[in-house]
N, C-alpha and C. Protein backbone atom coordinates (compact mmCIF):
# COMPACT_ATOMS: atom_id res chain seq x y z
N MET A 1 -8.73 -202.63 88.50
CA MET A 1 -8.54 -201.67 86.97
C MET A 1 -7.49 -200.69 87.70
N VAL A 2 -5.96 -200.34 87.42
CA VAL A 2 -5.37 -199.26 87.74
C VAL A 2 -5.52 -197.89 86.85
N ILE A 3 -6.07 -196.99 87.08
CA ILE A 3 -5.86 -196.21 86.16
C ILE A 3 -4.66 -195.04 86.62
N ASP A 4 -3.54 -194.99 86.03
CA ASP A 4 -2.63 -194.58 86.15
C ASP A 4 -2.78 -192.99 85.06
N TYR A 5 -2.70 -191.66 85.97
CA TYR A 5 -2.93 -190.68 85.15
C TYR A 5 -2.24 -189.57 85.90
N ARG A 6 -1.60 -188.66 85.08
CA ARG A 6 -0.38 -187.57 85.56
C ARG A 6 -0.30 -186.36 84.76
N LYS A 7 -0.85 -185.21 85.74
CA LYS A 7 -0.81 -183.90 85.21
C LYS A 7 0.49 -183.23 84.49
N ASN A 8 0.43 -182.54 83.98
CA ASN A 8 1.25 -182.07 82.98
C ASN A 8 1.29 -180.52 83.99
N GLU A 9 2.75 -179.98 83.89
CA GLU A 9 3.37 -178.71 84.68
C GLU A 9 2.02 -177.54 84.80
N LEU A 10 1.67 -177.31 83.58
CA LEU A 10 0.76 -176.30 83.58
C LEU A 10 -0.78 -176.60 84.50
N GLU A 11 -1.34 -178.03 84.23
CA GLU A 11 -2.39 -178.36 84.54
C GLU A 11 -2.14 -178.34 86.60
N GLU A 12 -0.97 -178.79 86.62
CA GLU A 12 -0.68 -178.48 88.09
C GLU A 12 -0.22 -177.17 88.56
N GLN A 13 -0.24 -175.91 87.78
CA GLN A 13 -0.06 -174.84 87.98
C GLN A 13 -1.71 -174.34 88.36
N MET A 14 -2.10 -174.74 87.49
CA MET A 14 -3.66 -174.04 87.31
C MET A 14 -4.33 -174.37 88.47
N LEU A 15 -4.24 -175.80 88.94
CA LEU A 15 -4.72 -176.39 89.86
C LEU A 15 -4.35 -175.73 91.41
N THR A 16 -3.05 -175.07 91.51
CA THR A 16 -2.40 -174.60 92.85
C THR A 16 -2.87 -172.95 92.99
N ASN A 17 -3.26 -172.58 91.39
CA ASN A 17 -4.22 -171.20 91.65
C ASN A 17 -5.43 -171.52 91.68
N LEU A 18 -5.98 -172.23 91.48
CA LEU A 18 -7.61 -172.04 91.59
C LEU A 18 -8.43 -171.51 92.63
N TYR A 19 -7.97 -171.57 94.12
CA TYR A 19 -8.49 -171.03 95.19
C TYR A 19 -7.53 -169.97 95.74
N LYS A 20 -6.84 -169.69 95.11
CA LYS A 20 -5.86 -168.26 95.41
C LYS A 20 -6.91 -167.25 95.38
N LYS A 21 -6.40 -166.14 96.58
CA LYS A 21 -7.30 -164.62 96.54
C LYS A 21 -6.34 -164.09 95.18
N THR A 22 -6.90 -162.98 94.79
CA THR A 22 -6.94 -162.53 93.83
C THR A 22 -6.02 -160.57 94.72
N TRP A 23 -5.21 -160.27 94.19
CA TRP A 23 -4.88 -158.72 94.81
C TRP A 23 -6.04 -157.86 95.08
N THR A 24 -7.13 -157.86 94.15
CA THR A 24 -8.13 -157.06 94.55
C THR A 24 -8.85 -157.17 96.18
N ALA A 25 -8.83 -158.60 96.70
CA ALA A 25 -9.40 -159.09 97.78
C ALA A 25 -9.14 -158.26 98.71
N GLY A 26 -7.95 -157.51 99.28
CA GLY A 26 -7.84 -156.84 100.30
C GLY A 26 -8.37 -155.50 100.50
N LEU A 27 -8.66 -154.83 98.91
CA LEU A 27 -9.35 -153.78 98.76
C LEU A 27 -10.99 -153.31 98.75
N THR A 28 -11.32 -154.75 99.24
CA THR A 28 -13.10 -154.98 99.29
C THR A 28 -12.85 -154.07 100.81
N THR A 29 -14.29 -153.50 100.86
CA THR A 29 -14.55 -152.85 102.01
C THR A 29 -15.67 -153.76 102.15
N LEU A 30 -15.92 -153.59 103.85
CA LEU A 30 -17.40 -154.02 104.69
C LEU A 30 -18.93 -153.02 104.08
N SER A 31 -19.80 -153.32 104.60
CA SER A 31 -20.80 -152.41 104.65
C SER A 31 -20.56 -151.82 105.84
N PHE A 32 -21.30 -150.34 105.83
CA PHE A 32 -21.33 -149.83 106.99
C PHE A 32 -21.65 -150.41 107.74
N ALA A 33 -23.17 -150.63 108.03
CA ALA A 33 -23.39 -151.40 109.25
C ALA A 33 -23.06 -152.35 109.65
N TYR A 34 -22.37 -153.53 109.10
CA TYR A 34 -21.72 -154.50 109.48
C TYR A 34 -20.55 -153.95 110.27
N HIS A 35 -19.89 -153.35 109.33
CA HIS A 35 -18.58 -152.87 109.90
C HIS A 35 -18.83 -151.73 111.26
N SER A 36 -19.83 -151.32 111.53
CA SER A 36 -20.24 -150.34 112.61
C SER A 36 -20.52 -151.81 113.76
N LYS A 37 -21.48 -152.14 113.55
CA LYS A 37 -21.54 -153.64 114.72
C LYS A 37 -20.72 -154.19 115.12
N ALA A 38 -19.43 -154.75 113.96
CA ALA A 38 -18.65 -154.99 114.37
C ALA A 38 -17.78 -154.55 115.69
N ASN A 39 -17.72 -153.15 115.36
CA ASN A 39 -16.71 -151.84 115.90
C ASN A 39 -17.40 -152.20 117.44
N ASN A 40 -19.11 -152.19 117.17
CA ASN A 40 -19.44 -152.15 118.84
C ASN A 40 -18.96 -152.91 119.41
N LYS A 41 -19.30 -154.38 118.84
CA LYS A 41 -19.04 -155.47 119.84
C LYS A 41 -17.65 -155.79 119.96
N LEU A 42 -16.90 -155.27 119.17
CA LEU A 42 -15.25 -155.50 119.81
C LEU A 42 -15.20 -154.25 120.95
N ILE A 43 -16.01 -152.73 120.87
CA ILE A 43 -15.55 -152.11 122.10
C ILE A 43 -16.06 -152.84 123.27
N ALA A 44 -16.96 -153.20 123.14
CA ALA A 44 -18.07 -153.60 124.18
C ALA A 44 -16.95 -154.77 125.13
N SER A 45 -16.64 -155.91 124.41
CA SER A 45 -15.63 -156.60 124.75
C SER A 45 -14.34 -156.19 125.16
N MET A 46 -13.73 -155.11 124.87
CA MET A 46 -12.61 -154.42 125.59
C MET A 46 -12.79 -153.69 126.60
N THR A 47 -14.14 -153.19 127.32
CA THR A 47 -14.80 -152.39 128.12
C THR A 47 -14.67 -153.45 129.37
N LYS A 48 -15.38 -154.71 128.83
CA LYS A 48 -15.49 -155.88 129.92
C LYS A 48 -13.67 -156.62 130.52
N HIS A 49 -13.26 -156.51 129.40
CA HIS A 49 -11.89 -157.26 129.67
C HIS A 49 -10.86 -155.93 130.61
N SER A 50 -10.95 -154.56 130.03
CA SER A 50 -10.65 -153.28 131.03
C SER A 50 -11.06 -153.38 132.42
N LYS A 51 -12.38 -153.78 132.75
CA LYS A 51 -12.76 -153.79 133.86
C LYS A 51 -12.18 -154.80 134.67
N SER A 52 -12.15 -156.04 134.29
CA SER A 52 -11.66 -157.15 134.69
C SER A 52 -10.28 -156.94 135.41
N TYR A 53 -9.59 -156.30 133.73
CA TYR A 53 -7.71 -156.10 133.71
C TYR A 53 -8.08 -154.81 135.49
N ASN A 54 -8.59 -154.33 135.32
CA ASN A 54 -8.24 -152.84 136.70
C ASN A 54 -8.69 -153.92 137.88
N PHE A 55 -9.42 -154.56 137.97
CA PHE A 55 -10.10 -155.70 139.07
C PHE A 55 -8.78 -156.37 139.46
N ARG A 56 -8.17 -156.84 138.47
CA ARG A 56 -6.73 -158.00 138.69
C ARG A 56 -5.62 -157.05 139.02
N VAL A 57 -5.59 -156.07 138.18
CA VAL A 57 -4.36 -155.17 138.72
C VAL A 57 -4.50 -154.70 140.29
N GLY A 58 -5.71 -154.58 141.04
CA GLY A 58 -5.95 -154.51 142.23
C GLY A 58 -5.87 -154.88 143.19
N GLU A 59 -6.11 -156.31 142.63
CA GLU A 59 -5.82 -157.70 143.55
C GLU A 59 -4.40 -157.95 143.90
N GLU A 60 -3.83 -157.92 142.72
CA GLU A 60 -2.09 -158.01 142.97
C GLU A 60 -1.18 -157.69 143.86
N GLU A 61 -1.88 -156.10 144.07
CA GLU A 61 -1.06 -155.18 145.30
C GLU A 61 -1.03 -156.13 146.59
N GLY A 62 0.34 -156.10 147.29
CA GLY A 62 0.94 -156.91 147.79
C GLY A 62 1.11 -158.39 148.12
N LYS A 63 0.97 -159.00 146.50
CA LYS A 63 1.12 -160.39 146.43
C LYS A 63 2.70 -160.39 145.75
N SER A 64 2.76 -161.98 146.58
CA SER A 64 4.16 -162.23 145.37
C SER A 64 3.78 -162.61 143.86
N VAL A 65 5.00 -162.85 143.68
CA VAL A 65 5.02 -163.57 142.27
C VAL A 65 3.99 -164.87 141.88
N GLU A 66 4.77 -165.32 142.88
CA GLU A 66 4.28 -167.07 142.67
C GLU A 66 3.04 -166.99 143.63
N GLU A 67 2.24 -166.21 144.27
CA GLU A 67 0.58 -166.04 144.67
C GLU A 67 -0.18 -165.67 143.50
N MET A 68 0.68 -164.61 142.82
CA MET A 68 -0.16 -164.35 141.60
C MET A 68 -0.57 -165.25 140.42
N LEU A 69 0.70 -166.43 140.51
CA LEU A 69 0.70 -167.36 139.22
C LEU A 69 -0.61 -168.06 139.55
N VAL A 70 -0.38 -168.54 141.04
CA VAL A 70 -1.46 -169.25 141.36
C VAL A 70 -2.64 -169.21 141.47
N ALA A 71 -2.70 -167.95 141.57
CA ALA A 71 -4.49 -167.53 141.61
C ALA A 71 -4.90 -167.33 140.77
N ASN A 72 -3.85 -167.23 139.61
CA ASN A 72 -4.71 -166.54 137.88
C ASN A 72 -4.90 -167.93 137.15
N VAL A 73 -4.08 -169.34 137.41
CA VAL A 73 -4.19 -170.25 137.11
C VAL A 73 -5.86 -170.72 136.49
N GLY A 74 -5.87 -170.99 134.45
CA GLY A 74 -7.28 -171.27 134.48
C GLY A 74 -8.04 -170.22 134.22
N LYS A 75 -7.78 -168.80 134.42
CA LYS A 75 -8.81 -167.79 134.14
C LYS A 75 -8.16 -167.00 133.49
N VAL A 76 -9.02 -165.99 132.60
CA VAL A 76 -8.98 -165.66 131.11
C VAL A 76 -8.04 -164.58 131.46
N ASP A 77 -6.99 -164.30 130.97
CA ASP A 77 -6.10 -163.08 130.66
C ASP A 77 -6.95 -162.09 130.22
N PRO A 78 -6.96 -160.84 130.89
CA PRO A 78 -7.80 -159.78 130.54
C PRO A 78 -6.67 -158.87 129.69
N LYS A 79 -5.39 -158.97 130.05
CA LYS A 79 -4.58 -157.76 129.15
C LYS A 79 -4.35 -158.40 128.00
N ARG A 80 -4.10 -159.82 127.81
CA ARG A 80 -3.87 -160.23 126.59
C ARG A 80 -5.10 -159.86 125.39
N HIS A 81 -6.36 -160.29 125.92
CA HIS A 81 -7.73 -159.86 125.28
C HIS A 81 -7.76 -158.67 124.78
N LEU A 82 -7.12 -157.61 125.66
CA LEU A 82 -6.93 -156.42 125.23
C LEU A 82 -5.96 -156.00 124.43
N GLU A 83 -5.25 -156.48 124.47
CA GLU A 83 -3.83 -156.16 123.44
C GLU A 83 -4.75 -156.60 122.02
N ASN A 84 -4.87 -157.89 121.98
CA ASN A 84 -5.60 -158.29 120.67
C ASN A 84 -6.64 -157.73 120.15
N GLY A 85 -7.14 -157.13 121.03
CA GLY A 85 -8.94 -156.72 121.00
C GLY A 85 -8.52 -155.52 119.98
N VAL A 86 -7.69 -154.41 120.44
CA VAL A 86 -7.02 -153.20 120.20
C VAL A 86 -5.99 -153.43 118.87
N ASN A 87 -5.20 -154.31 118.93
CA ASN A 87 -4.99 -154.73 117.42
C ASN A 87 -5.88 -154.99 116.13
N GLU A 88 -6.84 -155.94 116.67
CA GLU A 88 -7.67 -156.38 115.59
C GLU A 88 -8.34 -154.93 115.03
N LEU A 89 -8.87 -153.90 116.00
CA LEU A 89 -9.74 -153.06 116.03
C LEU A 89 -8.93 -151.97 114.87
N MET A 90 -7.84 -151.53 114.92
CA MET A 90 -6.91 -150.83 114.58
C MET A 90 -6.48 -150.89 113.55
N ALA A 91 -6.83 -152.80 113.00
CA ALA A 91 -6.20 -153.15 111.69
C ALA A 91 -7.61 -153.25 111.02
N VAL A 92 -8.77 -153.69 111.24
CA VAL A 92 -9.72 -153.54 110.71
C VAL A 92 -10.22 -152.12 110.06
N ASN A 93 -10.17 -151.30 110.90
CA ASN A 93 -10.53 -149.68 110.49
C ASN A 93 -9.56 -149.29 109.61
N ILE A 94 -8.19 -149.44 109.86
CA ILE A 94 -7.25 -148.90 109.00
C ILE A 94 -7.59 -149.50 107.65
N LEU A 95 -8.13 -150.89 107.11
CA LEU A 95 -8.33 -151.38 106.00
C LEU A 95 -9.67 -150.81 105.52
N GLN A 96 -10.30 -150.67 106.50
CA GLN A 96 -11.36 -150.00 106.00
C GLN A 96 -11.10 -148.56 105.62
N LEU A 97 -10.30 -147.72 106.30
CA LEU A 97 -10.19 -146.35 105.58
C LEU A 97 -9.54 -146.28 104.32
N LEU A 98 -8.29 -147.16 104.17
CA LEU A 98 -7.78 -146.94 103.13
C LEU A 98 -8.07 -147.53 101.85
N GLY A 99 -9.24 -148.77 102.06
CA GLY A 99 -10.59 -148.87 101.32
C GLY A 99 -11.31 -147.82 100.94
N LEU A 100 -11.79 -147.06 101.41
CA LEU A 100 -12.80 -145.97 101.34
C LEU A 100 -12.09 -145.22 100.31
N MET A 101 -10.72 -144.48 101.06
CA MET A 101 -10.08 -143.49 100.22
C MET A 101 -10.05 -144.03 98.96
N LEU A 102 -9.39 -145.45 98.59
CA LEU A 102 -9.26 -145.34 97.33
C LEU A 102 -10.14 -145.39 96.29
N THR A 103 -11.26 -146.24 97.02
CA THR A 103 -12.48 -145.90 96.12
C THR A 103 -13.19 -144.80 95.35
N THR A 104 -12.66 -143.70 96.80
CA THR A 104 -13.14 -142.24 96.24
C THR A 104 -12.31 -141.65 95.25
N ILE A 105 -11.16 -142.23 95.42
CA ILE A 105 -10.09 -141.36 94.56
C ILE A 105 -10.64 -141.90 93.14
N VAL A 106 -10.57 -143.19 93.02
CA VAL A 106 -10.22 -144.04 91.74
C VAL A 106 -11.77 -143.69 91.22
N PHE A 107 -12.98 -143.84 91.83
CA PHE A 107 -13.77 -143.84 91.23
C PHE A 107 -14.91 -142.65 91.67
């Protein structure tokens, strides 16, 4: 038995908006305890990566480009992780501060 059912335009639009985020989703702030723990965790990983990056820069002195490429195959790139960590830390903290400023002014 074949059941053929077609949705009209309004039903399709309603279903596409079902799980869409609202504009207020960006204004929600995290709890201070969670935000502090996340910042500490991210900074701890960044200190670990900065130490390994400093060590890698020291190893690269006196080596050719090919030797450096071969030596670093399959290893974690600490420079990339540092850049990503800084970008993530700044973005999260800026959003948290803007959200807090808005809530203090509005409420």
